[in-house]
């Protein structure tokens, strides 16, 4: 029989990781599909919104997130209209439950209660709207303060630089490619002078 010993630091780190996963991730099953949604803490709105949209689409219940509330049924409603209405109602119910379940309790105050999933998402989006100017400023700072630290190789460093350049282009900041290339090359240490010259 083999006995393994685990240091208290490793054990503590594992416990913290398990608690983080249990507290900050909601996992449940919809239509036999496992759904993982990062809990909305306020600072992670973009990730939370992506998780909600992706999860609801993958489980095929995103109808109410992309469609306004349907007209109420009448005595003249067709079977097709009744079926579509039932699908929308089910989608709305599941989306609302998923969204509300994945938000920290103290952040729920002031959010609409009797509304559709689409309206709730709009209200939350307005509350946590992230300024694209702040994103641009942050990306520019990272890009122009990057320095090669020796980890991962030059190729990985260049790929990270290109990634920031691509993110800036998506925000309509079109830096010339030569500017980004010179930025990356000028931050390489002297031992890479051959690359700089070429």
N, C-alpha and C. Protein backbone atom coordinates (compact mmCIF):
# COMPACT_ATOMS: atom_id res chain seq x y z
N UNK A 1 0.84 -1.17 0.00
CA UNK A 1 0.00 0.00 0.00
C UNK A 1 0.88 1.24 0.00
N UNK A 2 0.55 2.19 -0.88
CA UNK A 2 1.32 3.43 -1.03
C UNK A 2 0.68 4.53 -0.21
N UNK A 3 1.48 5.28 0.47
CA UNK A 3 0.95 6.43 1.23
C UNK A 3 1.48 7.70 0.59
N UNK A 4 0.58 8.62 0.33
CA UNK A 4 0.96 9.91 -0.26
C UNK A 4 0.77 10.99 0.79
N UNK A 5 1.70 11.89 0.82
CA UNK A 5 1.55 13.04 1.72
C UNK A 5 1.38 14.29 0.87
N UNK A 6 0.50 15.14 1.31
CA UNK A 6 0.23 16.38 0.60
C UNK A 6 0.52 17.52 1.55
N UNK A 7 1.30 18.48 1.09
CA UNK A 7 1.63 19.61 1.95
C UNK A 7 0.37 20.40 2.27
N UNK A 8 0.40 21.11 3.37
CA UNK A 8 -0.78 21.89 3.78
C UNK A 8 -1.07 23.01 2.79
N UNK A 9 -0.01 23.55 2.13
CA UNK A 9 -0.22 24.60 1.14
C UNK A 9 -1.00 24.08 -0.07
N UNK A 10 -0.63 22.89 -0.54
CA UNK A 10 -1.32 22.30 -1.68
C UNK A 10 -2.75 21.96 -1.30
N UNK A 11 -2.95 21.40 -0.13
CA UNK A 11 -4.28 21.06 0.33
C UNK A 11 -5.15 22.32 0.43
N UNK A 12 -4.60 23.39 0.98
CA UNK A 12 -5.32 24.65 1.10
C UNK A 12 -5.70 25.19 -0.29
N UNK A 13 -4.75 25.13 -1.23
CA UNK A 13 -5.01 25.62 -2.59
C UNK A 13 -6.12 24.81 -3.26
N UNK A 14 -6.13 23.49 -3.06
CA UNK A 14 -7.17 22.64 -3.62
C UNK A 14 -8.54 22.97 -3.03
N UNK A 15 -8.58 23.20 -1.73
CA UNK A 15 -9.84 23.54 -1.08
C UNK A 15 -10.37 24.88 -1.60
N UNK A 16 -9.49 25.87 -1.75
CA UNK A 16 -9.89 27.18 -2.27
C UNK A 16 -10.41 27.03 -3.70
N UNK A 17 -9.73 26.22 -4.52
CA UNK A 17 -10.17 26.00 -5.90
C UNK A 17 -11.54 25.36 -5.95
N UNK A 18 -11.76 24.34 -5.12
CA UNK A 18 -13.06 23.66 -5.09
C UNK A 18 -14.16 24.62 -4.64
N UNK A 19 -13.87 25.43 -3.62
CA UNK A 19 -14.86 26.41 -3.14
C UNK A 19 -15.16 27.44 -4.22
N UNK A 20 -14.12 27.88 -4.93
CA UNK A 20 -14.32 28.87 -6.00
C UNK A 20 -15.23 28.30 -7.08
N UNK A 21 -14.93 27.07 -7.50
CA UNK A 21 -15.73 26.44 -8.55
C UNK A 21 -17.17 26.24 -8.08
N UNK A 22 -17.34 25.81 -6.82
CA UNK A 22 -18.68 25.57 -6.30
C UNK A 22 -19.46 26.87 -6.13
N UNK A 23 -18.78 27.94 -5.73
CA UNK A 23 -19.47 29.19 -5.43
C UNK A 23 -19.67 30.07 -6.66
N UNK A 24 -18.72 30.08 -7.55
CA UNK A 24 -18.76 31.02 -8.66
C UNK A 24 -19.14 30.39 -10.00
N UNK A 25 -19.59 29.15 -9.99
CA UNK A 25 -20.06 28.52 -11.21
C UNK A 25 -21.36 27.80 -10.91
N UNK A 26 -22.37 28.02 -11.74
CA UNK A 26 -23.64 27.32 -11.61
C UNK A 26 -23.65 26.24 -12.68
N UNK A 27 -23.89 25.00 -12.27
CA UNK A 27 -23.93 23.89 -13.21
C UNK A 27 -25.27 23.18 -13.05
N UNK A 28 -25.96 22.99 -14.15
CA UNK A 28 -27.22 22.25 -14.11
C UNK A 28 -27.46 21.63 -15.48
N UNK A 29 -28.49 20.84 -15.57
CA UNK A 29 -28.78 20.13 -16.82
C UNK A 29 -30.11 20.62 -17.39
N UNK A 30 -30.09 20.95 -18.69
CA UNK A 30 -31.30 21.33 -19.41
C UNK A 30 -31.37 20.46 -20.66
N UNK A 31 -32.49 19.80 -20.85
CA UNK A 31 -32.67 18.92 -22.02
C UNK A 31 -31.50 17.93 -22.16
N UNK A 32 -31.07 17.37 -21.05
CA UNK A 32 -29.96 16.41 -21.00
C UNK A 32 -28.62 16.99 -21.43
N UNK A 33 -28.48 18.31 -21.39
CA UNK A 33 -27.21 18.97 -21.69
C UNK A 33 -26.71 19.65 -20.43
N UNK A 34 -25.44 19.44 -20.09
CA UNK A 34 -24.87 20.10 -18.92
C UNK A 34 -24.58 21.56 -19.26
N UNK A 35 -24.95 22.46 -18.37
CA UNK A 35 -24.78 23.88 -18.58
C UNK A 35 -23.91 24.44 -17.47
N UNK A 36 -22.88 25.21 -17.84
CA UNK A 36 -22.02 25.88 -16.86
C UNK A 36 -22.10 27.38 -17.09
N UNK A 37 -22.44 28.10 -16.05
CA UNK A 37 -22.53 29.55 -16.13
C UNK A 37 -21.74 30.14 -14.97
N UNK A 38 -20.80 31.02 -15.32
CA UNK A 38 -20.04 31.71 -14.28
C UNK A 38 -20.98 32.68 -13.57
N UNK A 39 -20.96 32.68 -12.25
CA UNK A 39 -21.85 33.54 -11.46
C UNK A 39 -21.48 35.00 -11.67
N UNK A 40 -22.50 35.84 -11.89
CA UNK A 40 -22.28 37.27 -12.08
C UNK A 40 -21.87 37.91 -10.76
N UNK A 41 -20.66 38.46 -10.75
CA UNK A 41 -20.14 39.12 -9.55
C UNK A 41 -20.09 40.63 -9.72
N UNK A 42 -20.39 41.11 -10.91
CA UNK A 42 -20.35 42.54 -11.19
C UNK A 42 -19.22 42.88 -12.13
N UNK A 43 -18.04 42.35 -11.87
CA UNK A 43 -16.88 42.68 -12.70
C UNK A 43 -16.72 41.72 -13.87
N UNK A 44 -17.50 40.66 -13.90
CA UNK A 44 -17.36 39.65 -14.95
C UNK A 44 -18.58 39.60 -15.87
N UNK A 45 -19.23 40.75 -16.08
CA UNK A 45 -20.47 40.79 -16.84
C UNK A 45 -20.32 40.19 -18.24
N UNK A 46 -19.27 40.56 -18.96
CA UNK A 46 -19.11 40.06 -20.33
C UNK A 46 -19.08 38.54 -20.36
N UNK A 47 -18.31 37.94 -19.47
CA UNK A 47 -18.19 36.48 -19.42
C UNK A 47 -19.53 35.86 -19.04
N UNK A 48 -20.21 36.44 -18.05
CA UNK A 48 -21.51 35.93 -17.62
C UNK A 48 -22.51 35.96 -18.77
N UNK A 49 -22.57 37.06 -19.49
CA UNK A 49 -23.51 37.20 -20.61
C UNK A 49 -23.20 36.17 -21.70
N UNK A 50 -21.90 35.99 -22.01
CA UNK A 50 -21.52 34.98 -22.99
C UNK A 50 -21.95 33.58 -22.53
N UNK A 51 -21.73 33.29 -21.23
CA UNK A 51 -22.12 31.98 -20.68
C UNK A 51 -23.62 31.75 -20.81
N UNK A 52 -24.41 32.78 -20.45
CA UNK A 52 -25.87 32.65 -20.53
C UNK A 52 -26.29 32.40 -21.97
N UNK A 53 -25.83 33.24 -22.89
CA UNK A 53 -26.24 33.10 -24.29
C UNK A 53 -25.82 31.75 -24.86
N UNK A 54 -24.57 31.37 -24.61
CA UNK A 54 -24.06 30.11 -25.14
C UNK A 54 -24.83 28.93 -24.54
N UNK A 55 -25.02 28.95 -23.23
CA UNK A 55 -25.70 27.83 -22.57
C UNK A 55 -27.14 27.68 -23.03
N UNK A 56 -27.84 28.80 -23.12
CA UNK A 56 -29.24 28.73 -23.53
C UNK A 56 -29.37 28.29 -25.00
N UNK A 57 -28.43 28.73 -25.82
CA UNK A 57 -28.47 28.31 -27.23
C UNK A 57 -28.13 26.83 -27.36
N UNK A 58 -27.12 26.38 -26.63
CA UNK A 58 -26.71 24.98 -26.72
C UNK A 58 -27.80 24.04 -26.22
N UNK A 59 -28.61 24.50 -25.27
CA UNK A 59 -29.69 23.66 -24.75
C UNK A 59 -31.00 23.92 -25.48
N UNK A 60 -30.93 24.76 -26.52
CA UNK A 60 -32.07 25.03 -27.40
C UNK A 60 -33.25 25.66 -26.65
N UNK A 61 -32.95 26.57 -25.72
CA UNK A 61 -34.00 27.29 -25.01
C UNK A 61 -33.77 28.81 -25.06
N UNK A 62 -33.08 29.28 -26.08
CA UNK A 62 -32.76 30.71 -26.17
C UNK A 62 -33.84 31.53 -26.89
N UNK A 63 -34.96 30.90 -27.25
CA UNK A 63 -36.01 31.56 -28.02
C UNK A 63 -36.44 32.88 -27.39
N UNK A 64 -36.64 32.91 -26.07
CA UNK A 64 -37.12 34.13 -25.41
C UNK A 64 -36.03 35.19 -25.26
N UNK A 65 -34.77 34.80 -25.37
CA UNK A 65 -33.69 35.78 -25.29
C UNK A 65 -33.54 36.56 -26.58
N UNK A 66 -33.99 35.99 -27.69
CA UNK A 66 -33.82 36.64 -28.99
C UNK A 66 -35.14 37.12 -29.58
N UNK A 67 -36.26 36.84 -28.91
CA UNK A 67 -37.57 37.20 -29.43
C UNK A 67 -38.37 37.95 -28.37
N UNK A 68 -39.06 39.00 -28.77
CA UNK A 68 -39.94 39.71 -27.85
C UNK A 68 -41.10 38.81 -27.46
N UNK A 69 -41.77 39.19 -26.36
CA UNK A 69 -42.90 38.41 -25.89
C UNK A 69 -43.96 38.31 -26.99
N UNK A 70 -44.49 37.11 -27.15
CA UNK A 70 -45.51 36.87 -28.18
C UNK A 70 -46.87 37.39 -27.72
N UNK A 71 -47.72 37.64 -28.68
CA UNK A 71 -49.09 38.06 -28.37
C UNK A 71 -49.79 36.95 -27.59
N UNK A 72 -50.72 37.33 -26.73
CA UNK A 72 -51.49 36.34 -25.98
C UNK A 72 -52.34 35.50 -26.93
N UNK A 73 -52.57 34.26 -26.53
CA UNK A 73 -53.38 33.37 -27.34
C UNK A 73 -54.85 33.79 -27.25
N UNK A 74 -55.56 33.52 -28.31
CA UNK A 74 -57.00 33.80 -28.35
C UNK A 74 -57.73 32.51 -28.72
N UNK A 75 -59.03 32.58 -28.73
CA UNK A 75 -59.82 31.39 -29.10
C UNK A 75 -59.61 31.01 -30.56
N UNK A 76 -59.14 31.96 -31.36
CA UNK A 76 -58.92 31.67 -32.78
C UNK A 76 -57.47 31.27 -33.08
N UNK A 77 -56.64 31.15 -32.05
CA UNK A 77 -55.24 30.78 -32.26
C UNK A 77 -55.14 29.38 -32.84
N UNK A 78 -54.24 29.22 -33.79
CA UNK A 78 -54.04 27.92 -34.43
C UNK A 78 -53.17 27.03 -33.54
N UNK A 79 -53.13 25.75 -33.88
CA UNK A 79 -52.28 24.82 -33.14
C UNK A 79 -50.81 25.22 -33.24
N UNK A 80 -50.38 25.71 -34.40
CA UNK A 80 -48.99 26.16 -34.58
C UNK A 80 -48.69 27.35 -33.66
N UNK A 81 -49.61 28.29 -33.61
CA UNK A 81 -49.43 29.46 -32.73
C UNK A 81 -49.36 29.04 -31.27
N UNK A 82 -50.20 28.08 -30.89
CA UNK A 82 -50.19 27.56 -29.51
C UNK A 82 -48.86 26.88 -29.19
N UNK A 83 -48.36 26.12 -30.17
CA UNK A 83 -47.08 25.42 -29.98
C UNK A 83 -45.92 26.40 -29.84
N UNK A 84 -45.89 27.43 -30.69
CA UNK A 84 -44.84 28.44 -30.63
C UNK A 84 -44.93 29.20 -29.31
N UNK A 85 -46.15 29.52 -28.90
CA UNK A 85 -46.35 30.23 -27.63
C UNK A 85 -45.86 29.39 -26.46
N UNK A 86 -46.17 28.10 -26.46
CA UNK A 86 -45.72 27.21 -25.38
C UNK A 86 -44.20 27.12 -25.36
N UNK A 87 -43.57 27.05 -26.54
CA UNK A 87 -42.10 27.01 -26.61
C UNK A 87 -41.50 28.28 -26.05
N UNK A 88 -42.08 29.42 -26.39
CA UNK A 88 -41.57 30.70 -25.91
C UNK A 88 -41.70 30.79 -24.39
N UNK A 89 -42.86 30.37 -23.86
CA UNK A 89 -43.10 30.42 -22.41
C UNK A 89 -42.08 29.53 -21.67
N UNK A 90 -41.84 28.34 -22.20
CA UNK A 90 -40.87 27.43 -21.56
C UNK A 90 -39.47 28.05 -21.61
N UNK A 91 -39.11 28.58 -22.76
CA UNK A 91 -37.81 29.22 -22.92
C UNK A 91 -37.65 30.37 -21.94
N UNK A 92 -38.67 31.21 -21.85
CA UNK A 92 -38.61 32.37 -20.96
C UNK A 92 -38.44 31.93 -19.51
N UNK A 93 -39.18 30.91 -19.11
CA UNK A 93 -39.10 30.40 -17.73
C UNK A 93 -37.70 29.88 -17.42
N UNK A 94 -37.15 29.05 -18.32
CA UNK A 94 -35.81 28.48 -18.08
C UNK A 94 -34.74 29.56 -18.10
N UNK A 95 -34.83 30.49 -19.05
CA UNK A 95 -33.83 31.57 -19.13
C UNK A 95 -33.85 32.44 -17.89
N UNK A 96 -35.05 32.80 -17.43
CA UNK A 96 -35.16 33.63 -16.22
C UNK A 96 -34.59 32.90 -15.01
N UNK A 97 -34.93 31.62 -14.86
CA UNK A 97 -34.39 30.84 -13.74
C UNK A 97 -32.86 30.77 -13.81
N UNK A 98 -32.34 30.51 -14.99
CA UNK A 98 -30.89 30.39 -15.17
C UNK A 98 -30.18 31.71 -14.85
N UNK A 99 -30.75 32.80 -15.34
CA UNK A 99 -30.13 34.10 -15.12
C UNK A 99 -30.16 34.47 -13.64
N UNK A 100 -31.33 34.33 -13.03
CA UNK A 100 -31.45 34.74 -11.62
C UNK A 100 -30.64 33.84 -10.70
N UNK A 101 -30.53 32.57 -11.05
CA UNK A 101 -29.78 31.62 -10.23
C UNK A 101 -28.27 31.89 -10.31
N UNK A 102 -27.83 32.55 -11.37
CA UNK A 102 -26.40 32.76 -11.56
C UNK A 102 -25.96 34.20 -11.27
N UNK A 103 -26.70 34.88 -10.42
CA UNK A 103 -26.35 36.24 -10.00
C UNK A 103 -26.23 36.25 -8.49
N UNK A 104 -25.15 36.84 -7.97
CA UNK A 104 -25.00 36.93 -6.52
C UNK A 104 -26.20 37.67 -5.93
N UNK A 105 -26.67 37.21 -4.77
CA UNK A 105 -27.89 37.75 -4.17
C UNK A 105 -27.86 39.26 -4.00
N UNK A 106 -26.75 39.81 -3.54
CA UNK A 106 -26.73 41.25 -3.27
C UNK A 106 -26.77 42.09 -4.54
N UNK A 107 -26.57 41.48 -5.70
CA UNK A 107 -26.65 42.21 -6.98
C UNK A 107 -28.06 42.19 -7.57
N UNK A 108 -28.95 41.39 -7.01
CA UNK A 108 -30.29 41.24 -7.57
C UNK A 108 -31.20 42.41 -7.24
N UNK A 109 -30.86 43.20 -6.23
CA UNK A 109 -31.75 44.30 -5.85
C UNK A 109 -31.83 45.33 -6.97
N UNK A 110 -33.02 45.80 -7.20
CA UNK A 110 -33.24 46.80 -8.24
C UNK A 110 -33.43 46.22 -9.63
N UNK A 111 -33.30 44.92 -9.77
CA UNK A 111 -33.53 44.30 -11.07
C UNK A 111 -35.02 44.04 -11.25
N UNK A 112 -35.51 44.15 -12.48
CA UNK A 112 -36.94 43.91 -12.70
C UNK A 112 -37.32 42.50 -12.28
N UNK A 113 -38.53 42.37 -11.73
CA UNK A 113 -38.98 41.06 -11.24
C UNK A 113 -39.93 40.41 -12.25
N UNK A 114 -41.00 41.08 -12.61
CA UNK A 114 -41.98 40.51 -13.54
C UNK A 114 -41.68 41.00 -14.94
N UNK A 115 -40.77 40.32 -15.61
CA UNK A 115 -40.39 40.72 -16.96
C UNK A 115 -39.97 39.49 -17.76
N UNK A 116 -39.68 39.71 -19.01
CA UNK A 116 -39.21 38.61 -19.86
C UNK A 116 -37.70 38.46 -19.69
N UNK A 117 -37.20 37.33 -20.15
CA UNK A 117 -35.76 37.09 -20.09
C UNK A 117 -35.00 38.14 -20.89
N UNK A 118 -35.55 38.50 -22.05
CA UNK A 118 -34.90 39.49 -22.92
C UNK A 118 -34.82 40.85 -22.21
N UNK A 119 -35.91 41.25 -21.54
CA UNK A 119 -35.91 42.54 -20.82
C UNK A 119 -34.97 42.50 -19.62
N UNK A 120 -34.90 41.36 -18.94
CA UNK A 120 -33.98 41.24 -17.81
C UNK A 120 -32.53 41.35 -18.30
N UNK A 121 -32.22 40.70 -19.41
CA UNK A 121 -30.86 40.79 -19.96
C UNK A 121 -30.53 42.23 -20.34
N UNK A 122 -31.50 42.94 -20.92
CA UNK A 122 -31.28 44.34 -21.28
C UNK A 122 -31.03 45.18 -20.04
N UNK A 123 -31.82 44.97 -18.99
CA UNK A 123 -31.65 45.73 -17.74
C UNK A 123 -30.28 45.46 -17.11
N UNK A 124 -29.87 44.20 -17.10
CA UNK A 124 -28.56 43.86 -16.53
C UNK A 124 -27.44 44.44 -17.39
N UNK A 125 -27.63 44.38 -18.71
CA UNK A 125 -26.62 44.94 -19.63
C UNK A 125 -26.45 46.43 -19.40
N UNK A 126 -27.55 47.14 -19.19
CA UNK A 126 -27.46 48.58 -18.94
C UNK A 126 -26.77 48.87 -17.62
N UNK A 127 -27.01 48.03 -16.63
CA UNK A 127 -26.38 48.22 -15.33
C UNK A 127 -24.87 48.03 -15.40
N UNK A 128 -24.45 47.04 -16.17
CA UNK A 128 -23.03 46.69 -16.22
C UNK A 128 -22.40 47.02 -17.57
N UNK A 129 -22.94 48.02 -18.25
CA UNK A 129 -22.38 48.42 -19.55
C UNK A 129 -20.92 48.80 -19.35
N UNK A 130 -20.07 48.20 -20.16
CA UNK A 130 -18.64 48.48 -20.09
C UNK A 130 -18.31 49.42 -21.24
N UNK A 131 -17.68 50.51 -20.92
CA UNK A 131 -17.34 51.49 -21.94
C UNK A 131 -16.27 50.93 -22.87
N UNK A 132 -16.52 51.03 -24.17
CA UNK A 132 -15.52 50.56 -25.13
C UNK A 132 -14.27 51.41 -25.05
N UNK A 133 -14.41 52.70 -24.63
CA UNK A 133 -13.23 53.54 -24.46
C UNK A 133 -12.31 53.00 -23.37
N UNK A 134 -12.91 52.48 -22.29
CA UNK A 134 -12.11 51.89 -21.21
C UNK A 134 -11.39 50.64 -21.72
N UNK A 135 -12.10 49.84 -22.53
CA UNK A 135 -11.49 48.64 -23.11
C UNK A 135 -10.31 49.02 -24.00
N UNK A 136 -10.51 50.04 -24.84
CA UNK A 136 -9.46 50.49 -25.76
C UNK A 136 -8.25 50.97 -24.97
N UNK A 137 -8.50 51.77 -23.94
CA UNK A 137 -7.39 52.29 -23.14
C UNK A 137 -6.61 51.16 -22.48
N UNK A 138 -7.34 50.19 -21.94
CA UNK A 138 -6.70 49.06 -21.28
C UNK A 138 -5.87 48.23 -22.27
N UNK A 139 -6.42 47.95 -23.44
CA UNK A 139 -5.70 47.17 -24.45
C UNK A 139 -4.47 47.90 -24.96
N UNK A 140 -4.59 49.20 -25.18
CA UNK A 140 -3.44 49.98 -25.63
C UNK A 140 -2.34 49.99 -24.59
N UNK A 141 -2.72 50.14 -23.33
CA UNK A 141 -1.72 50.12 -22.25
C UNK A 141 -0.97 48.80 -22.22
N UNK A 142 -1.73 47.70 -22.31
CA UNK A 142 -1.08 46.39 -22.28
C UNK A 142 -0.17 46.22 -23.48
N UNK A 143 -0.68 46.57 -24.67
CA UNK A 143 0.10 46.39 -25.89
C UNK A 143 1.40 47.17 -25.85
N UNK A 144 1.34 48.44 -25.46
CA UNK A 144 2.54 49.27 -25.51
C UNK A 144 3.43 49.16 -24.27
N UNK A 145 2.99 48.40 -23.28
CA UNK A 145 3.83 48.14 -22.11
C UNK A 145 4.32 46.70 -22.06
N UNK A 146 3.97 45.91 -23.09
CA UNK A 146 4.43 44.52 -23.12
C UNK A 146 5.93 44.46 -23.30
N UNK A 147 6.53 43.53 -22.61
CA UNK A 147 7.97 43.28 -22.75
C UNK A 147 8.16 41.77 -22.79
N UNK A 148 9.10 41.35 -23.60
CA UNK A 148 9.39 39.91 -23.68
C UNK A 148 10.04 39.50 -22.37
N UNK A 149 9.43 38.51 -21.68
CA UNK A 149 9.95 38.09 -20.37
C UNK A 149 10.68 36.75 -20.41
N UNK A 150 10.82 36.19 -21.60
CA UNK A 150 11.55 34.93 -21.71
C UNK A 150 10.67 33.70 -21.55
N UNK A 151 9.43 33.88 -21.13
CA UNK A 151 8.53 32.74 -20.96
C UNK A 151 7.80 32.44 -22.26
N UNK A 152 7.78 31.18 -22.65
CA UNK A 152 6.99 30.76 -23.79
C UNK A 152 7.62 30.95 -25.15
N UNK A 153 8.74 31.58 -25.24
CA UNK A 153 9.39 31.76 -26.53
C UNK A 153 8.90 33.00 -27.26
N UNK A 154 9.68 33.40 -28.26
CA UNK A 154 9.40 34.61 -29.03
C UNK A 154 8.10 34.45 -29.80
N UNK A 155 7.87 33.26 -30.33
CA UNK A 155 6.65 33.02 -31.11
C UNK A 155 5.40 33.31 -30.27
N UNK A 156 5.36 32.82 -29.04
CA UNK A 156 4.21 33.07 -28.16
C UNK A 156 4.06 34.55 -27.86
N UNK A 157 5.18 35.23 -27.70
CA UNK A 157 5.15 36.67 -27.43
C UNK A 157 4.54 37.43 -28.62
N UNK A 158 4.95 37.06 -29.81
CA UNK A 158 4.42 37.71 -31.01
C UNK A 158 2.94 37.40 -31.17
N UNK A 159 2.54 36.17 -30.87
CA UNK A 159 1.12 35.79 -30.96
C UNK A 159 0.29 36.61 -29.97
N UNK A 160 0.81 36.83 -28.75
CA UNK A 160 0.09 37.66 -27.77
C UNK A 160 -0.04 39.09 -28.29
N UNK A 161 1.02 39.61 -28.90
CA UNK A 161 0.99 40.97 -29.45
C UNK A 161 -0.07 41.08 -30.54
N UNK A 162 -0.08 40.10 -31.44
CA UNK A 162 -1.06 40.10 -32.53
C UNK A 162 -2.48 39.98 -31.97
N UNK A 163 -2.65 39.20 -30.90
CA UNK A 163 -3.96 39.05 -30.28
C UNK A 163 -4.49 40.40 -29.78
N UNK A 164 -3.64 41.17 -29.11
CA UNK A 164 -4.07 42.50 -28.64
C UNK A 164 -4.38 43.42 -29.82
N UNK A 165 -3.58 43.32 -30.87
CA UNK A 165 -3.83 44.12 -32.07
C UNK A 165 -5.19 43.76 -32.68
N UNK A 166 -5.51 42.48 -32.73
CA UNK A 166 -6.79 42.01 -33.27
C UNK A 166 -7.96 42.52 -32.42
N UNK A 167 -7.80 42.48 -31.09
CA UNK A 167 -8.85 42.97 -30.20
C UNK A 167 -9.08 44.46 -30.40
N UNK A 168 -8.01 45.20 -30.63
CA UNK A 168 -8.15 46.64 -30.88
C UNK A 168 -8.85 46.89 -32.22
N UNK A 169 -8.53 46.09 -33.23
CA UNK A 169 -9.21 46.24 -34.52
C UNK A 169 -10.71 46.00 -34.38
N UNK A 170 -11.08 45.03 -33.54
CA UNK A 170 -12.49 44.74 -33.32
C UNK A 170 -13.21 45.93 -32.67
N UNK A 171 -12.44 46.75 -31.94
CA UNK A 171 -13.01 47.95 -31.32
C UNK A 171 -12.82 49.18 -32.22
N UNK A 172 -12.49 48.93 -33.48
CA UNK A 172 -12.33 49.98 -34.50
C UNK A 172 -11.13 50.89 -34.24
N UNK A 173 -10.08 50.35 -33.62
CA UNK A 173 -8.80 51.06 -33.47
C UNK A 173 -7.84 50.38 -34.44
N UNK A 174 -7.58 51.04 -35.55
CA UNK A 174 -6.81 50.41 -36.61
C UNK A 174 -5.37 50.92 -36.58
N UNK A 175 -4.55 50.28 -35.75
CA UNK A 175 -3.12 50.61 -35.72
C UNK A 175 -2.46 49.97 -36.94
N UNK A 176 -1.54 50.67 -37.58
CA UNK A 176 -0.85 50.06 -38.71
C UNK A 176 -0.08 48.81 -38.26
N UNK A 177 -0.08 47.80 -39.11
CA UNK A 177 0.63 46.56 -38.78
C UNK A 177 2.10 46.82 -38.48
N UNK A 178 2.71 47.75 -39.23
CA UNK A 178 4.14 48.04 -39.01
C UNK A 178 4.38 48.59 -37.60
N UNK A 179 3.43 49.35 -37.09
CA UNK A 179 3.54 49.89 -35.74
C UNK A 179 3.58 48.76 -34.71
N UNK A 180 2.71 47.79 -34.88
CA UNK A 180 2.64 46.66 -33.94
C UNK A 180 3.90 45.79 -34.06
N UNK A 181 4.37 45.58 -35.30
CA UNK A 181 5.58 44.79 -35.51
C UNK A 181 6.78 45.46 -34.85
N UNK A 182 6.93 46.78 -35.06
CA UNK A 182 8.04 47.51 -34.44
C UNK A 182 7.94 47.48 -32.92
N UNK A 183 6.73 47.59 -32.40
CA UNK A 183 6.54 47.53 -30.95
C UNK A 183 7.03 46.19 -30.41
N UNK A 184 6.63 45.11 -31.08
CA UNK A 184 7.04 43.78 -30.62
C UNK A 184 8.54 43.59 -30.74
N UNK A 185 9.12 44.00 -31.86
CA UNK A 185 10.56 43.81 -32.06
C UNK A 185 11.40 44.68 -31.13
N UNK A 186 10.96 45.90 -30.88
CA UNK A 186 11.75 46.81 -30.04
C UNK A 186 11.76 46.41 -28.57
N UNK A 187 10.86 45.54 -28.17
CA UNK A 187 10.85 45.11 -26.77
C UNK A 187 11.59 43.79 -26.55
N UNK A 188 12.12 43.22 -27.64
CA UNK A 188 12.91 41.99 -27.50
C UNK A 188 14.29 42.33 -26.94
N UNK A 189 14.85 41.46 -26.11
CA UNK A 189 16.20 41.71 -25.58
C UNK A 189 17.27 41.63 -26.67
N UNK A 190 18.48 42.15 -26.40
CA UNK A 190 19.55 42.20 -27.40
C UNK A 190 19.92 40.85 -28.02
N UNK A 191 19.72 39.75 -27.31
CA UNK A 191 20.11 38.44 -27.86
C UNK A 191 19.30 38.08 -29.11
N UNK A 192 18.22 38.82 -29.37
CA UNK A 192 17.40 38.57 -30.56
C UNK A 192 17.66 39.60 -31.64
N UNK A 193 18.87 40.15 -31.67
CA UNK A 193 19.20 41.21 -32.64
C UNK A 193 19.10 40.72 -34.08
N UNK A 194 19.34 39.43 -34.32
CA UNK A 194 19.24 38.89 -35.69
C UNK A 194 17.79 39.01 -36.18
N UNK A 195 16.84 38.69 -35.31
CA UNK A 195 15.42 38.80 -35.67
C UNK A 195 15.09 40.25 -35.96
N UNK A 196 15.58 41.16 -35.12
CA UNK A 196 15.30 42.59 -35.30
C UNK A 196 15.84 43.07 -36.65
N UNK A 197 17.04 42.64 -36.98
CA UNK A 197 17.66 43.06 -38.23
C UNK A 197 16.90 42.54 -39.44
N UNK A 198 16.51 41.25 -39.37
CA UNK A 198 15.79 40.63 -40.50
C UNK A 198 14.42 41.22 -40.64
